[in-house]
Amino acid sequence: MKAPDTDRFYAEVYDVVRQIPPGRVLSYGRIAELIGWPNHSRLVGRAMHDAPLALGLPCHRVVNSAGRTVPGWHQQAILLMSEGVRIKANGCVDMKAHEWPAVR
């Protein structure tokens, strides 16, 4: 499979992230699947890292498949908890309770 066009890929990632409702999360891998690039979760991570603040995306609602938040971004867990997301004792989001079952 060839590599995706980065600009289009990023735009599709941002479109999905915009749709994640408060109190819900999606993983990088699930976003990659939803936009048709299931083996590109790392590129989703890069897109999130590069997301312009001006877009106002709810980037805090994107976690890894185990529910881990971004290392060093302590505000992410605070933002998620303010929306009612449960953080387990191990510091991970309760994915069973909060993963958004988006359908595209």
PDB file of N, CA and C in Angstrom:
ATOM      1  N   MET A   1       0.839  -1.176   0.000  1.00  0.00           N
ATOM      2  CA  MET A   1       0.000   0.000   0.000  1.00  0.00           C
ATOM      3  C   MET A   1       0.886   1.242   0.000  1.00  0.00           C
ATOM      4  N   LYS A   2       0.581   2.170  -0.876  1.00  0.00           N
ATOM      5  CA  LYS A   2       1.380   3.390  -0.926  1.00  0.00           C
ATOM      6  C   LYS A   2       1.045   4.321   0.243  1.00  0.00           C
ATOM      7  N   ALA A   3       1.908   5.259   0.479  1.00  0.00           N
ATOM      8  CA  ALA A   3       1.706   6.217   1.571  1.00  0.00           C
ATOM      9  C   ALA A   3       0.614   7.218   1.190  1.00  0.00           C
ATOM     10  N   PRO A   4      -0.157   7.660   2.174  1.00  0.00           N
ATOM     11  CA  PRO A   4      -1.204   8.635   1.879  1.00  0.00           C
ATOM     12  C   PRO A   4      -0.635  10.022   1.589  1.00  0.00           C
ATOM     13  N   ASP A   5      -1.410  10.817   0.856  1.00  0.00           N
ATOM     14  CA  ASP A   5      -1.083  12.228   0.667  1.00  0.00           C
ATOM     15  C   ASP A   5      -1.249  12.893   2.033  1.00  0.00           C
ATOM     16  N   THR A   6      -0.191  13.474   2.546  1.00  0.00           N
ATOM     17  CA  THR A   6      -0.197  13.992   3.915  1.00  0.00           C
ATOM     18  C   THR A   6      -1.259  15.057   4.152  1.00  0.00           C
ATOM     19  N   ASP A   7      -1.381  16.023   3.253  1.00  0.00           N
ATOM     20  CA  ASP A   7      -2.373  17.089   3.459  1.00  0.00           C
ATOM     21  C   ASP A   7      -3.788  16.529   3.536  1.00  0.00           C
ATOM     22  N   ARG A   8      -4.109  15.641   2.623  1.00  0.00           N
ATOM     23  CA  ARG A   8      -5.457  15.036   2.617  1.00  0.00           C
ATOM     24  C   ARG A   8      -5.654  14.167   3.855  1.00  0.00           C
ATOM     25  N   PHE A   9      -4.631  13.390   4.207  1.00  0.00           N
ATOM     26  CA  PHE A   9      -4.687  12.535   5.388  1.00  0.00           C
ATOM     27  C   PHE A   9      -4.967  13.374   6.632  1.00  0.00           C
ATOM     28  N   TYR A  10      -4.185  14.428   6.811  1.00  0.00           N
ATOM     29  CA  TYR A  10      -4.376  15.307   7.972  1.00  0.00           C
ATOM     30  C   TYR A  10      -5.793  15.878   7.986  1.00  0.00           C
ATOM     31  N   ALA A  11      -6.280  16.329   6.847  1.00  0.00           N
ATOM     32  CA  ALA A  11      -7.630  16.910   6.776  1.00  0.00           C
ATOM     33  C   ALA A  11      -8.678  15.885   7.188  1.00  0.00           C
ATOM     34  N   GLU A  12      -8.509  14.639   6.778  1.00  0.00           N
ATOM     35  CA  GLU A  12      -9.465  13.597   7.143  1.00  0.00           C
ATOM     36  C   GLU A  12      -9.384  13.270   8.629  1.00  0.00           C
ATOM     37  N   VAL A  13      -8.178  13.249   9.175  1.00  0.00           N
ATOM     38  CA  VAL A  13      -8.001  13.042  10.613  1.00  0.00           C
ATOM     39  C   VAL A  13      -8.723  14.149  11.374  1.00  0.00           C
ATOM     40  N   TYR A  14      -8.493  15.390  10.976  1.00  0.00           N
ATOM     41  CA  TYR A  14      -9.090  16.517  11.681  1.00  0.00           C
ATOM     42  C   TYR A  14     -10.612  16.490  11.571  1.00  0.00           C
ATOM     43  N   ASP A  15     -11.142  16.016  10.457  1.00  0.00           N
ATOM     44  CA  ASP A  15     -12.587  15.907  10.296  1.00  0.00           C
ATOM     45  C   ASP A  15     -13.170  14.920  11.308  1.00  0.00           C
ATOM     46  N   VAL A  16     -12.511  13.782  11.502  1.00  0.00           N
ATOM     47  CA  VAL A  16     -12.974  12.799  12.483  1.00  0.00           C
ATOM     48  C   VAL A  16     -12.856  13.368  13.892  1.00  0.00           C
ATOM     49  N   VAL A  17     -11.724  13.974  14.216  1.00  0.00           N
ATOM     50  CA  VAL A  17     -11.495  14.493  15.569  1.00  0.00           C
ATOM     51  C   VAL A  17     -12.541  15.556  15.920  1.00  0.00           C
ATOM     52  N   ARG A  18     -12.913  16.384  14.958  1.00  0.00           N
ATOM     53  CA  ARG A  18     -13.945  17.408  15.187  1.00  0.00           C
ATOM     54  C   ARG A  18     -15.259  16.800  15.655  1.00  0.00           C
ATOM     55  N   GLN A  19     -15.524  15.578  15.242  1.00  0.00           N
ATOM     56  CA  GLN A  19     -16.799  14.929  15.523  1.00  0.00           C
ATOM     57  C   GLN A  19     -16.856  14.199  16.865  1.00  0.00           C
ATOM     58  N   ILE A  20     -15.725  14.020  17.531  1.00  0.00           N
ATOM     59  CA  ILE A  20     -15.718  13.295  18.801  1.00  0.00           C
ATOM     60  C   ILE A  20     -16.456  14.138  19.838  1.00  0.00           C
ATOM     61  N   PRO A  21     -17.549  13.613  20.376  1.00  0.00           N
ATOM     62  CA  PRO A  21     -18.330  14.400  21.333  1.00  0.00           C
ATOM     63  C   PRO A  21     -17.664  14.479  22.712  1.00  0.00           C
ATOM     64  N   PRO A  22     -18.021  15.480  23.491  1.00  0.00           N
ATOM     65  CA  PRO A  22     -17.508  15.577  24.859  1.00  0.00           C
ATOM     66  C   PRO A  22     -17.812  14.290  25.634  1.00  0.00           C
ATOM     67  N   GLY A  23     -16.853  13.875  26.449  1.00  0.00           N
ATOM     68  CA  GLY A  23     -17.025  12.680  27.256  1.00  0.00           C
ATOM     69  C   GLY A  23     -16.683  11.393  26.527  1.00  0.00           C
ATOM     70  N   ARG A  24     -16.214  11.506  25.302  1.00  0.00           N
ATOM     71  CA  ARG A  24     -15.846  10.347  24.495  1.00  0.00           C
ATOM     72  C   ARG A  24     -14.414  10.494  23.995  1.00  0.00           C
ATOM     73  N   VAL A  25     -13.789   9.374  23.643  1.00  0.00           N
ATOM     74  CA  VAL A  25     -12.431   9.389  23.106  1.00  0.00           C
ATOM     75  C   VAL A  25     -12.342   8.440  21.921  1.00  0.00           C
ATOM     76  N   LEU A  26     -11.326   8.630  21.111  1.00  0.00           N
ATOM     77  CA  LEU A  26     -10.968   7.714  20.032  1.00  0.00           C
ATOM     78  C   LEU A  26      -9.469   7.474  20.102  1.00  0.00           C
ATOM     79  N   SER A  27      -9.060   6.307  19.658  1.00  0.00           N
ATOM     80  CA  SER A  27      -7.626   6.014  19.608  1.00  0.00           C
ATOM     81  C   SER A  27      -7.071   6.412  18.247  1.00  0.00           C
ATOM     82  N   TYR A  28      -5.761   6.575  18.209  1.00  0.00           N
ATOM     83  CA  TYR A  28      -5.077   6.899  16.960  1.00  0.00           C
ATOM     84  C   TYR A  28      -5.384   5.830  15.908  1.00  0.00           C
ATOM     85  N   GLY A  29      -5.313   4.570  16.328  1.00  0.00           N
ATOM     86  CA  GLY A  29      -5.561   3.471  15.407  1.00  0.00           C
ATOM     87  C   GLY A  29      -6.980   3.443  14.872  1.00  0.00           C
ATOM     88  N   ARG A  30      -7.947   3.732  15.728  1.00  0.00           N
ATOM     89  CA  ARG A  30      -9.344   3.745  15.287  1.00  0.00           C
ATOM     90  C   ARG A  30      -9.574   4.872  14.285  1.00  0.00           C
ATOM     91  N   ILE A  31      -8.952   6.013  14.515  1.00  0.00           N
ATOM     92  CA  ILE A  31      -9.068   7.123  13.563  1.00  0.00           C
ATOM     93  C   ILE A  31      -8.482   6.698  12.216  1.00  0.00           C
ATOM     94  N   ALA A  32      -7.323   6.062  12.252  1.00  0.00           N
ATOM     95  CA  ALA A  32      -6.696   5.595  11.012  1.00  0.00           C
ATOM     96  C   ALA A  32      -7.624   4.632  10.268  1.00  0.00           C
ATOM     97  N   GLU A  33      -8.268   3.735  10.997  1.00  0.00           N
ATOM     98  CA  GLU A  33      -9.217   2.805  10.381  1.00  0.00           C
ATOM     99  C   GLU A  33     -10.397   3.553   9.754  1.00  0.00           C
ATOM    100  N   LEU A  34     -10.926   4.512  10.482  1.00  0.00           N
ATOM    101  CA  LEU A  34     -12.106   5.245  10.000  1.00  0.00           C
ATOM    102  C   LEU A  34     -11.846   5.995   8.699  1.00  0.00           C
ATOM    103  N   ILE A  35     -10.606   6.437   8.497  1.00  0.00           N
ATOM    104  CA  ILE A  35     -10.321   7.187   7.266  1.00  0.00           C
ATOM    105  C   ILE A  35      -9.711   6.308   6.177  1.00  0.00           C
ATOM    106  N   GLY A  36      -9.672   4.995   6.428  1.00  0.00           N
ATOM    107  CA  GLY A  36      -9.239   4.069   5.396  1.00  0.00           C
ATOM    108  C   GLY A  36      -7.754   3.771   5.328  1.00  0.00           C
ATOM    109  N   TRP A  37      -7.009   4.135   6.370  1.00  0.00           N
ATOM    110  CA  TRP A  37      -5.573   3.870   6.434  1.00  0.00           C
ATOM    111  C   TRP A  37      -5.258   3.143   7.747  1.00  0.00           C
ATOM    112  N   PRO A  38      -5.724   1.888   7.881  1.00  0.00           N
ATOM    113  CA  PRO A  38      -5.642   1.189   9.165  1.00  0.00           C
ATOM    114  C   PRO A  38      -4.246   0.961   9.727  1.00  0.00           C
ATOM    115  N   ASN A  39      -3.225   1.023   8.929  1.00  0.00           N
ATOM    116  CA  ASN A  39      -1.868   0.800   9.438  1.00  0.00           C
ATOM    117  C   ASN A  39      -1.083   2.094   9.624  1.00  0.00           C
ATOM    118  N   HIS A  40      -1.789   3.193   9.782  1.00  0.00           N
ATOM    119  CA  HIS A  40      -1.122   4.492   9.863  1.00  0.00           C
ATOM    120  C   HIS A  40      -1.445   5.270  11.143  1.00  0.00           C
ATOM    121  N   SER A  41      -1.539   4.551  12.258  1.00  0.00           N
ATOM    122  CA  SER A  41      -1.856   5.224  13.526  1.00  0.00           C
ATOM    123  C   SER A  41      -0.761   6.210  13.936  1.00  0.00           C
ATOM    124  N   ARG A  42       0.480   5.918  13.605  1.00  0.00           N
ATOM    125  CA  ARG A  42       1.568   6.853  13.947  1.00  0.00           C
ATOM    126  C   ARG A  42       1.437   8.160  13.172  1.00  0.00           C
ATOM    127  N   LEU A  43       0.965   8.062  11.939  1.00  0.00           N
ATOM    128  CA  LEU A  43       0.759   9.283  11.156  1.00  0.00           C
ATOM    129  C   LEU A  43      -0.416  10.090  11.728  1.00  0.00           C
ATOM    130  N   VAL A  44      -1.399   9.399  12.288  1.00  0.00           N
ATOM    131  CA  VAL A  44      -2.482  10.105  12.992  1.00  0.00           C
ATOM    132  C   VAL A  44      -1.876  10.870  14.169  1.00  0.00           C
ATOM    133  N   GLY A  45      -0.973  10.225  14.890  1.00  0.00           N
ATOM    134  CA  GLY A  45      -0.294  10.893  16.005  1.00  0.00           C
ATOM    135  C   GLY A  45       0.469  12.120  15.545  1.00  0.00           C
ATOM    136  N   ARG A  46       1.121  12.018  14.411  1.00  0.00           N
ATOM    137  CA  ARG A  46       1.855  13.162  13.858  1.00  0.00           C
ATOM    138  C   ARG A  46       0.885  14.274  13.482  1.00  0.00           C
ATOM    139  N   ALA A  47      -0.251  13.896  12.892  1.00  0.00           N
ATOM    140  CA  ALA A  47      -1.265  14.892  12.530  1.00  0.00           C
ATOM    141  C   ALA A  47      -1.772  15.619  13.774  1.00  0.00           C
ATOM    142  N   MET A  48      -1.965  14.875  14.849  1.00  0.00           N
ATOM    143  CA  MET A  48      -2.435  15.499  16.088  1.00  0.00           C
ATOM    144  C   MET A  48      -1.362  16.440  16.645  1.00  0.00           C
ATOM    145  N   HIS A  49      -0.122  16.012  16.594  1.00  0.00           N
ATOM    146  CA  HIS A  49       0.980  16.850  17.068  1.00  0.00           C
ATOM    147  C   HIS A  49       1.066  18.143  16.267  1.00  0.00           C
ATOM    148  N   ASP A  50       0.814  18.041  14.965  1.00  0.00           N
ATOM    149  CA  ASP A  50       0.946  19.186  14.068  1.00  0.00           C
ATOM    150  C   ASP A  50      -0.349  20.011  13.938  1.00  0.00           C
ATOM    151  N   ALA A  51      -1.403  19.618  14.622  1.00  0.00           N
ATOM    152  CA  ALA A  51      -2.695  20.298  14.466  1.00  0.00           C
ATOM    153  C   ALA A  51      -2.592  21.780  14.853  1.00  0.00           C
ATOM    154  N   PRO A  52      -2.974  22.670  13.945  1.00  0.00           N
ATOM    155  CA  PRO A  52      -2.943  24.103  14.262  1.00  0.00           C
ATOM    156  C   PRO A  52      -3.951  24.447  15.364  1.00  0.00           C
ATOM    157  N   LEU A  53      -3.526  25.222  16.327  1.00  0.00           N
ATOM    158  CA  LEU A  53      -4.421  25.638  17.412  1.00  0.00           C
ATOM    159  C   LEU A  53      -5.652  26.356  16.877  1.00  0.00           C
ATOM    160  N   ALA A  54      -5.479  27.082  15.780  1.00  0.00           N
ATOM    161  CA  ALA A  54      -6.579  27.862  15.208  1.00  0.00           C
ATOM    162  C   ALA A  54      -7.764  26.990  14.793  1.00  0.00           C
ATOM    163  N   LEU A  55      -7.540  25.686  14.574  1.00  0.00           N
ATOM    164  CA  LEU A  55      -8.642  24.804  14.199  1.00  0.00           C
ATOM    165  C   LEU A  55      -9.575  24.502  15.370  1.00  0.00           C
ATOM    166  N   GLY A  56      -9.075  24.695  16.582  1.00  0.00           N
ATOM    167  CA  GLY A  56      -9.906  24.470  17.768  1.00  0.00           C
ATOM    168  C   GLY A  56     -10.345  23.020  17.936  1.00  0.00           C
ATOM    169  N   LEU A  57      -9.496  22.090  17.535  1.00  0.00           N
ATOM    170  CA  LEU A  57      -9.846  20.668  17.612  1.00  0.00           C
ATOM    171  C   LEU A  57      -9.810  20.161  19.052  1.00  0.00           C
ATOM    172  N   PRO A  58     -10.670  19.221  19.389  1.00  0.00           N
ATOM    173  CA  PRO A  58     -10.620  18.615  20.725  1.00  0.00           C
ATOM    174  C   PRO A  58      -9.561  17.506  20.769  1.00  0.00           C
ATOM    175  N   CYS A  59      -8.318  17.885  20.576  1.00  0.00           N
ATOM    176  CA  CYS A  59      -7.206  16.926  20.510  1.00  0.00           C
ATOM    177  C   CYS A  59      -7.086  16.097  21.783  1.00  0.00           C
ATOM    178  N   HIS A  60      -7.545  16.639  22.885  1.00  0.00           N
ATOM    179  CA  HIS A  60      -7.453  15.916  24.154  1.00  0.00           C
ATOM    180  C   HIS A  60      -8.304  14.649  24.146  1.00  0.00           C
ATOM    181  N   ARG A  61      -9.200  14.504  23.195  1.00  0.00           N
ATOM    182  CA  ARG A  61     -10.065  13.322  23.112  1.00  0.00           C
ATOM    183  C   ARG A  61      -9.450  12.185  22.316  1.00  0.00           C
ATOM    184  N   VAL A  62      -8.186  12.322  21.949  1.00  0.00           N
ATOM    185  CA  VAL A  62      -7.488  11.265  21.215  1.00  0.00           C
ATOM    186  C   VAL A  62      -6.423  10.664  22.132  1.00  0.00           C
ATOM    187  N   VAL A  63      -6.503   9.346  22.311  1.00  0.00           N
ATOM    188  CA  VAL A  63      -5.588   8.617  23.189  1.00  0.00           C
ATOM    189  C   VAL A  63      -5.078   7.387  22.443  1.00  0.00           C
ATOM    190  N   ASN A  64      -4.161   6.652  23.055  1.00  0.00           N
ATOM    191  CA  ASN A  64      -3.716   5.430  22.383  1.00  0.00           C
ATOM    192  C   ASN A  64      -4.716   4.307  22.651  1.00  0.00           C
ATOM    193  N   SER A  65      -4.509   3.159  22.043  1.00  0.00           N
ATOM    194  CA  SER A  65      -5.496   2.079  22.114  1.00  0.00           C
ATOM    195  C   SER A  65      -5.716   1.538  23.523  1.00  0.00           C
ATOM    196  N   ALA A  66      -4.736   1.723  24.397  1.00  0.00           N
ATOM    197  CA  ALA A  66      -4.881   1.298  25.791  1.00  0.00           C
ATOM    198  C   ALA A  66      -5.510   2.383  26.655  1.00  0.00           C
ATOM    199  N   GLY A  67      -5.765   3.549  26.057  1.00  0.00           N
ATOM    200  CA  GLY A  67      -6.342   4.656  26.807  1.00  0.00           C
ATOM    201  C   GLY A  67      -5.319   5.582  27.437  1.00  0.00           C
ATOM    202  N   ARG A  68      -4.041   5.352  27.112  1.00  0.00           N
ATOM    203  CA  ARG A  68      -2.998   6.223  27.671  1.00  0.00           C
ATOM    204  C   ARG A  68      -3.049   7.595  27.023  1.00  0.00           C
ATOM    205  N   THR A  69      -2.818   8.596  27.840  1.00  0.00           N
ATOM    206  CA  THR A  69      -2.787   9.971  27.356  1.00  0.00           C
ATOM    207  C   THR A  69      -1.380  10.308  26.872  1.00  0.00           C
ATOM    208  N   VAL A  70      -1.237  11.471  26.297  1.00  0.00           N
ATOM    209  CA  VAL A  70       0.048  11.902  25.744  1.00  0.00           C
ATOM    210  C   VAL A  70       1.048  12.137  26.885  1.00  0.00           C
ATOM    211  N   PRO A  71       2.217  11.492  26.828  1.00  0.00           N
ATOM    212  CA  PRO A  71       3.231  11.703  27.863  1.00  0.00           C
ATOM    213  C   PRO A  71       3.606  13.186  27.973  1.00  0.00           C
ATOM    214  N   GLY A  72       3.627  13.679  29.198  1.00  0.00           N
ATOM    215  CA  GLY A  72       4.024  15.061  29.427  1.00  0.00           C
ATOM    216  C   GLY A  72       2.908  16.087  29.253  1.00  0.00           C
ATOM    217  N   TRP A  73       1.751  15.676  28.733  1.00  0.00           N
ATOM    218  CA  TRP A  73       0.624  16.604  28.570  1.00  0.00           C
ATOM    219  C   TRP A  73      -0.391  16.325  29.681  1.00  0.00           C
ATOM    220  N   HIS A  74      -0.072  16.779  30.882  1.00  0.00           N
ATOM    221  CA  HIS A  74      -0.890  16.499  32.060  1.00  0.00           C
ATOM    222  C   HIS A  74      -2.272  17.126  31.963  1.00  0.00           C
ATOM    223  N   GLN A  75      -2.380  18.202  31.226  1.00  0.00           N
ATOM    224  CA  GLN A  75      -3.657  18.895  31.058  1.00  0.00           C
ATOM    225  C   GLN A  75      -4.678  18.006  30.334  1.00  0.00           C
ATOM    226  N   GLN A  76      -4.210  17.056  29.531  1.00  0.00           N
ATOM    227  CA  GLN A  76      -5.119  16.204  28.768  1.00  0.00           C
ATOM    228  C   GLN A  76      -6.056  15.445  29.705  1.00  0.00           C
ATOM    229  N   ALA A  77      -5.524  14.819  30.728  1.00  0.00           N
ATOM    230  CA  ALA A  77      -6.353  14.069  31.670  1.00  0.00           C
ATOM    231  C   ALA A  77      -7.322  14.996  32.394  1.00  0.00           C
ATOM    232  N   ILE A  78      -6.880  16.183  32.728  1.00  0.00           N
ATOM    233  CA  ILE A  78      -7.749  17.155  33.402  1.00  0.00           C
ATOM    234  C   ILE A  78      -8.907  17.545  32.493  1.00  0.00           C
ATOM    235  N   LEU A  79      -8.605  17.814  31.223  1.00  0.00           N
ATOM    236  CA  LEU A  79      -9.659  18.163  30.259  1.00  0.00           C
ATOM    237  C   LEU A  79     -10.644  17.010  30.093  1.00  0.00           C
ATOM    238  N   LEU A  80     -10.141  15.805  29.985  1.00  0.00           N
ATOM    239  CA  LEU A  80     -11.023  14.646  29.833  1.00  0.00           C
ATOM    240  C   LEU A  80     -11.905  14.459  31.070  1.00  0.00           C
ATOM    241  N   MET A  81     -11.317  14.552  32.245  1.00  0.00           N
ATOM    242  CA  MET A  81     -12.101  14.390  33.471  1.00  0.00           C
ATOM    243  C   MET A  81     -13.159  15.480  33.604  1.00  0.00           C
ATOM    244  N   SER A  82     -12.855  16.695  33.120  1.00  0.00           N
ATOM    245  CA  SER A  82     -13.843  17.777  33.190  1.00  0.00           C
ATOM    246  C   SER A  82     -15.058  17.490  32.307  1.00  0.00           C
ATOM    247  N   GLU A  83     -14.889  16.557  31.352  1.00  0.00           N
ATOM    248  CA  GLU A  83     -15.993  16.154  30.482  1.00  0.00           C
ATOM    249  C   GLU A  83     -16.666  14.869  30.973  1.00  0.00           C
ATOM    250  N   GLY A  84     -16.215  14.379  32.137  1.00  0.00           N
ATOM    251  CA  GLY A  84     -16.815  13.179  32.701  1.00  0.00           C
ATOM    252  C   GLY A  84     -16.136  11.879  32.329  1.00  0.00           C
ATOM    253  N   VAL A  85     -14.993  11.949  31.674  1.00  0.00           N
ATOM    254  CA  VAL A  85     -14.256  10.735  31.300  1.00  0.00           C
ATOM    255  C   VAL A  85     -13.577  10.178  32.540  1.00  0.00           C
ATOM    256  N   ARG A  86     -13.761   8.875  32.764  1.00  0.00           N
ATOM    257  CA  ARG A  86     -13.163   8.216  33.924  1.00  0.00           C
ATOM    258  C   ARG A  86     -11.737   7.789  33.587  1.00  0.00           C
ATOM    259  N   ILE A  87     -10.815   8.187  34.446  1.00  0.00           N
ATOM    260  CA  ILE A  87      -9.419   7.781  34.338  1.00  0.00           C
ATOM    261  C   ILE A  87      -9.196   6.702  35.396  1.00  0.00           C
ATOM    262  N   LYS A  88      -8.748   5.540  34.973  1.00  0.00           N
ATOM    263  CA  LYS A  88      -8.531   4.421  35.895  1.00  0.00           C
ATOM    264  C   LYS A  88      -7.303   4.677  36.770  1.00  0.00           C
ATOM    265  N   ALA A  89      -7.126   3.846  37.776  1.00  0.00           N
ATOM    266  CA  ALA A  89      -6.014   3.993  38.721  1.00  0.00           C
ATOM    267  C   ALA A  89      -4.658   3.932  38.024  1.00  0.00           C
ATOM    268  N   ASN A  90      -4.584   3.242  36.888  1.00  0.00           N
ATOM    269  CA  ASN A  90      -3.313   3.147  36.164  1.00  0.00           C
ATOM    270  C   ASN A  90      -3.050   4.371  35.284  1.00  0.00           C
ATOM    271  N   GLY A  91      -3.950   5.361  35.320  1.00  0.00           N
ATOM    272  CA  GLY A  91      -3.764   6.590  34.558  1.00  0.00           C
ATOM    273  C   GLY A  91      -4.333   6.551  33.155  1.00  0.00           C
ATOM    274  N   CYS A  92      -4.961   5.442  32.774  1.00  0.00           N
ATOM    275  CA  CYS A  92      -5.530   5.291  31.433  1.00  0.00           C
ATOM    276  C   CYS A  92      -7.031   5.564  31.436  1.00  0.00           C
ATOM    277  N   VAL A  93      -7.514   6.038  30.314  1.00  0.00           N
ATOM    278  CA  VAL A  93      -8.942   6.248  30.118  1.00  0.00           C
ATOM    279  C   VAL A  93      -9.639   4.889  30.130  1.00  0.00           C
ATOM    280  N   ASP A  94     -10.816   4.834  30.718  1.00  0.00           N
ATOM    281  CA  ASP A  94     -11.639   3.633  30.671  1.00  0.00           C
ATOM    282  C   ASP A  94     -12.242   3.555  29.264  1.00  0.00           C
ATOM    283  N   MET A  95     -11.548   2.855  28.376  1.00  0.00           N
ATOM    284  CA  MET A  95     -11.948   2.800  26.963  1.00  0.00           C
ATOM    285  C   MET A  95     -13.306   2.124  26.782  1.00  0.00           C
ATOM    286  N   LYS A  96     -13.611   1.112  27.576  1.00  0.00           N
ATOM    287  CA  LYS A  96     -14.898   0.427  27.441  1.00  0.00           C
ATOM    288  C   LYS A  96     -16.042   1.388  27.690  1.00  0.00           C
ATOM    289  N   ALA A  97     -15.851   2.301  28.600  1.00  0.00           N
ATOM    290  CA  ALA A  97     -16.915   3.244  28.948  1.00  0.00           C
ATOM    291  C   ALA A  97     -16.947   4.482  28.055  1.00  0.00           C
ATOM    292  N   HIS A  98     -15.804   4.862  27.496  1.00  0.00           N
ATOM    293  CA  HIS A  98     -15.739   6.168  26.838  1.00  0.00           C
ATOM    294  C   HIS A  98     -15.331   6.192  25.367  1.00  0.00           C
ATOM    295  N   GLU A  99     -14.985   5.021  24.804  1.00  0.00           N
ATOM    296  CA  GLU A  99     -14.609   5.040  23.386  1.00  0.00           C
ATOM    297  C   GLU A  99     -15.829   5.370  22.547  1.00  0.00           C
ATOM    298  N   TRP A 100     -15.618   6.285  21.625  1.00  0.00           N
ATOM    299  CA  TRP A 100     -16.715   6.730  20.760  1.00  0.00           C
ATOM    300  C   TRP A 100     -16.875   5.744  19.612  1.00  0.00           C
ATOM    301  N   PRO A 101     -18.047   5.184  19.465  1.00  0.00           N
ATOM    302  CA  PRO A 101     -18.260   4.216  18.369  1.00  0.00           C
ATOM    303  C   PRO A 101     -18.651   4.923  17.067  1.00  0.00           C
ATOM    304  N   ALA A 102     -17.756   5.760  16.581  1.00  0.00           N
ATOM    305  CA  ALA A 102     -18.039   6.516  15.357  1.00  0.00           C
ATOM    306  C   ALA A 102     -18.194   5.577  14.175  1.00  0.00           C
ATOM    307  N   VAL A 103     -19.107   5.912  13.322  1.00  0.00           N
ATOM    308  CA  VAL A 103     -19.316   5.154  12.086  1.00  0.00           C
ATOM    309  C   VAL A 103     -19.246   6.128  10.949  1.00  0.00           C
ATOM    310  N   ARG A 104     -18.435   5.812   9.964  1.00  0.00           N
ATOM    311  CA  ARG A 104     -18.278   6.696   8.797  1.00  0.00           C
ATOM    312  C   ARG A 104     -18.833   6.035   7.591  1.00  0.00           C
TER     313      ARG A 104
END
